[in-house]
């Protein structure tokens, strides 16, 4: 895989994750999730949105991308766990 293909794949991954985080945030708001979870999803959503507008192959966006992807996946996981716990007890 060439370097430009890797860059495009990383940008696509960031954009896809951003859509997933935004959807999770919307669902969490409607479900009246705890403020801590909403804040976590909102923070990651905002940062992913900002990074998605920058070239991920250089500069600060490159340095932040891997950590943001991990944070985004963890936030989605936390949201899913909260929803499962809520459904099990309902």
C-alpha atoms as a PDB file:
ATOM      1  CA  UNK A   1       0.000   0.000   0.000  1.00  0.00           C
ATOM      2  CA  UNK A   2       1.402   3.386  -0.939  1.00  0.00           C
ATOM      3  CA  UNK A   3       1.738   6.251   1.497  1.00  0.00           C
ATOM      4  CA  UNK A   4      -1.086   8.201  -0.177  1.00  0.00           C
ATOM      5  CA  UNK A   5      -3.401   5.165   0.069  1.00  0.00           C
ATOM      6  CA  UNK A   6      -2.565   4.825   3.760  1.00  0.00           C
ATOM      7  CA  UNK A   7      -3.366   8.516   4.271  1.00  0.00           C
ATOM      8  CA  UNK A   8      -6.710   8.146   2.496  1.00  0.00           C
ATOM      9  CA  UNK A   9      -7.518   5.057   4.556  1.00  0.00           C
ATOM     10  CA  UNK A  10      -6.724   6.937   7.780  1.00  0.00           C
ATOM     11  CA  UNK A  11      -8.904   9.881   6.728  1.00  0.00           C
ATOM     12  CA  UNK A  12     -11.725   7.491   5.865  1.00  0.00           C
ATOM     13  CA  UNK A  13     -11.332   5.755   9.218  1.00  0.00           C
ATOM     14  CA  UNK A  14     -11.501   9.081  11.058  1.00  0.00           C
ATOM     15  CA  UNK A  15     -14.606  10.202   9.145  1.00  0.00           C
ATOM     16  CA  UNK A  16     -16.376   6.876   9.670  1.00  0.00           C
ATOM     17  CA  UNK A  17     -15.566   6.934  13.374  1.00  0.00           C
ATOM     18  CA  UNK A  18     -16.797  10.529  13.584  1.00  0.00           C
ATOM     19  CA  UNK A  19     -20.174   9.521  12.131  1.00  0.00           C
ATOM     20  CA  UNK A  20     -20.408   6.610  14.571  1.00  0.00           C
ATOM     21  CA  UNK A  21     -19.506   8.792  17.566  1.00  0.00           C
ATOM     22  CA  UNK A  22     -22.047  11.446  16.533  1.00  0.00           C
ATOM     23  CA  UNK A  23     -24.761   8.811  16.193  1.00  0.00           C
ATOM     24  CA  UNK A  24     -23.864   7.375  19.603  1.00  0.00           C
ATOM     25  CA  UNK A  25     -24.021  10.866  21.090  1.00  0.00           C
ATOM     26  CA  UNK A  26     -27.437  11.540  19.595  1.00  0.00           C
ATOM     27  CA  UNK A  27     -28.791   8.225  20.861  1.00  0.00           C
ATOM     28  CA  UNK A  28     -27.261   8.812  24.290  1.00  0.00           C
ATOM     29  CA  UNK A  29     -28.901  12.245  24.521  1.00  0.00           C
ATOM     30  CA  UNK A  30     -32.305  10.820  23.629  1.00  0.00           C
ATOM     31  CA  UNK A  31     -31.814   7.986  26.133  1.00  0.00           C
ATOM     32  CA  UNK A  32     -30.848  10.487  28.860  1.00  0.00           C
ATOM     33  CA  UNK A  33     -27.401   9.032  29.412  1.00  0.00           C
ATOM     34  CA  UNK A  34     -25.276  10.323  32.286  1.00  0.00           C
ATOM     35  CA  UNK A  35     -23.597  13.681  31.713  1.00  0.00           C
ATOM     36  CA  UNK A  36     -20.141  12.106  31.970  1.00  0.00           C
ATOM     37  CA  UNK A  37     -20.871   9.834  29.001  1.00  0.00           C
ATOM     38  CA  UNK A  38     -22.403  12.682  26.986  1.00  0.00           C
ATOM     39  CA  UNK A  39     -19.382  14.883  27.679  1.00  0.00           C
ATOM     40  CA  UNK A  40     -16.985  12.120  26.668  1.00  0.00           C
ATOM     41  CA  UNK A  41     -18.791  11.478  23.387  1.00  0.00           C
ATOM     42  CA  UNK A  42     -19.121  15.218  22.706  1.00  0.00           C
ATOM     43  CA  UNK A  43     -15.438  15.865  23.357  1.00  0.00           C
ATOM     44  CA  UNK A  44     -14.308  13.048  21.071  1.00  0.00           C
ATOM     45  CA  UNK A  45     -16.816  14.087  18.406  1.00  0.00           C
ATOM     46  CA  UNK A  46     -15.527  17.649  18.384  1.00  0.00           C
ATOM     47  CA  UNK A  47     -11.887  16.627  18.214  1.00  0.00           C
ATOM     48  CA  UNK A  48     -12.518  14.063  15.475  1.00  0.00           C
ATOM     49  CA  UNK A  49     -14.439  16.689  13.513  1.00  0.00           C
ATOM     50  CA  UNK A  50     -11.547  19.134  13.793  1.00  0.00           C
ATOM     51  CA  UNK A  51      -8.911  16.539  12.880  1.00  0.00           C
ATOM     52  CA  UNK A  52     -10.981  15.310   9.937  1.00  0.00           C
ATOM     53  CA  UNK A  53     -10.615  18.766   8.382  1.00  0.00           C
ATOM     54  CA  UNK A  54      -6.805  18.636   8.523  1.00  0.00           C
ATOM     55  CA  UNK A  55      -4.290  16.529   6.604  1.00  0.00           C
ATOM     56  CA  UNK A  56      -3.606  13.492   8.813  1.00  0.00           C
ATOM     57  CA  UNK A  57      -0.217  12.839   7.242  1.00  0.00           C
ATOM     58  CA  UNK A  58       1.561  15.723   8.947  1.00  0.00           C
ATOM     59  CA  UNK A  59       1.580  18.109  11.876  1.00  0.00           C
ATOM     60  CA  UNK A  60      -0.586  18.017  14.979  1.00  0.00           C
ATOM     61  CA  UNK A  61      -3.369  16.014  13.316  1.00  0.00           C
ATOM     62  CA  UNK A  62      -0.948  13.182  12.616  1.00  0.00           C
ATOM     63  CA  UNK A  63       0.203  13.170  16.228  1.00  0.00           C
ATOM     64  CA  UNK A  64      -3.364  13.138  17.565  1.00  0.00           C
ATOM     65  CA  UNK A  65      -5.044  10.717  15.172  1.00  0.00           C
ATOM     66  CA  UNK A  66      -4.096   7.373  16.732  1.00  0.00           C
ATOM     67  CA  UNK A  67      -5.048   8.525  20.226  1.00  0.00           C
ATOM     68  CA  UNK A  68      -8.327  10.002  19.031  1.00  0.00           C
ATOM     69  CA  UNK A  69      -9.264   6.809  17.233  1.00  0.00           C
ATOM     70  CA  UNK A  70      -8.619   4.851  20.417  1.00  0.00           C
ATOM     71  CA  UNK A  71     -10.612   7.377  22.482  1.00  0.00           C
ATOM     72  CA  UNK A  72     -13.468   7.290  19.990  1.00  0.00           C
ATOM     73  CA  UNK A  73     -13.671   3.508  20.037  1.00  0.00           C
ATOM     74  CA  UNK A  74     -13.527   3.485  23.837  1.00  0.00           C
ATOM     75  CA  UNK A  75     -16.302   6.101  24.069  1.00  0.00           C
ATOM     76  CA  UNK A  76     -18.509   4.090  21.709  1.00  0.00           C
ATOM     77  CA  UNK A  77     -17.825   0.994  23.797  1.00  0.00           C
ATOM     78  CA  UNK A  78     -18.749   2.838  26.988  1.00  0.00           C
ATOM     79  CA  UNK A  79     -21.987   3.997  25.386  1.00  0.00           C
ATOM     80  CA  UNK A  80     -22.840   0.478  24.247  1.00  0.00           C
ATOM     81  CA  UNK A  81     -22.100  -0.899  27.726  1.00  0.00           C
ATOM     82  CA  UNK A  82     -24.326   1.748  29.299  1.00  0.00           C
ATOM     83  CA  UNK A  83     -27.137   0.920  26.875  1.00  0.00           C
ATOM     84  CA  UNK A  84     -26.807  -2.821  27.542  1.00  0.00           C
ATOM     85  CA  UNK A  85     -26.872  -2.232  31.297  1.00  0.00           C
ATOM     86  CA  UNK A  86     -29.910  -0.016  30.939  1.00  0.00           C
ATOM     87  CA  UNK A  87     -31.745  -2.538  28.759  1.00  0.00           C
ATOM     88  CA  UNK A  88     -30.957  -5.438  31.087  1.00  0.00           C
ATOM     89  CA  UNK A  89     -32.373  -3.618  34.092  1.00  0.00           C
ATOM     90  CA  UNK A  90     -35.425  -2.170  32.318  1.00  0.00           C
END
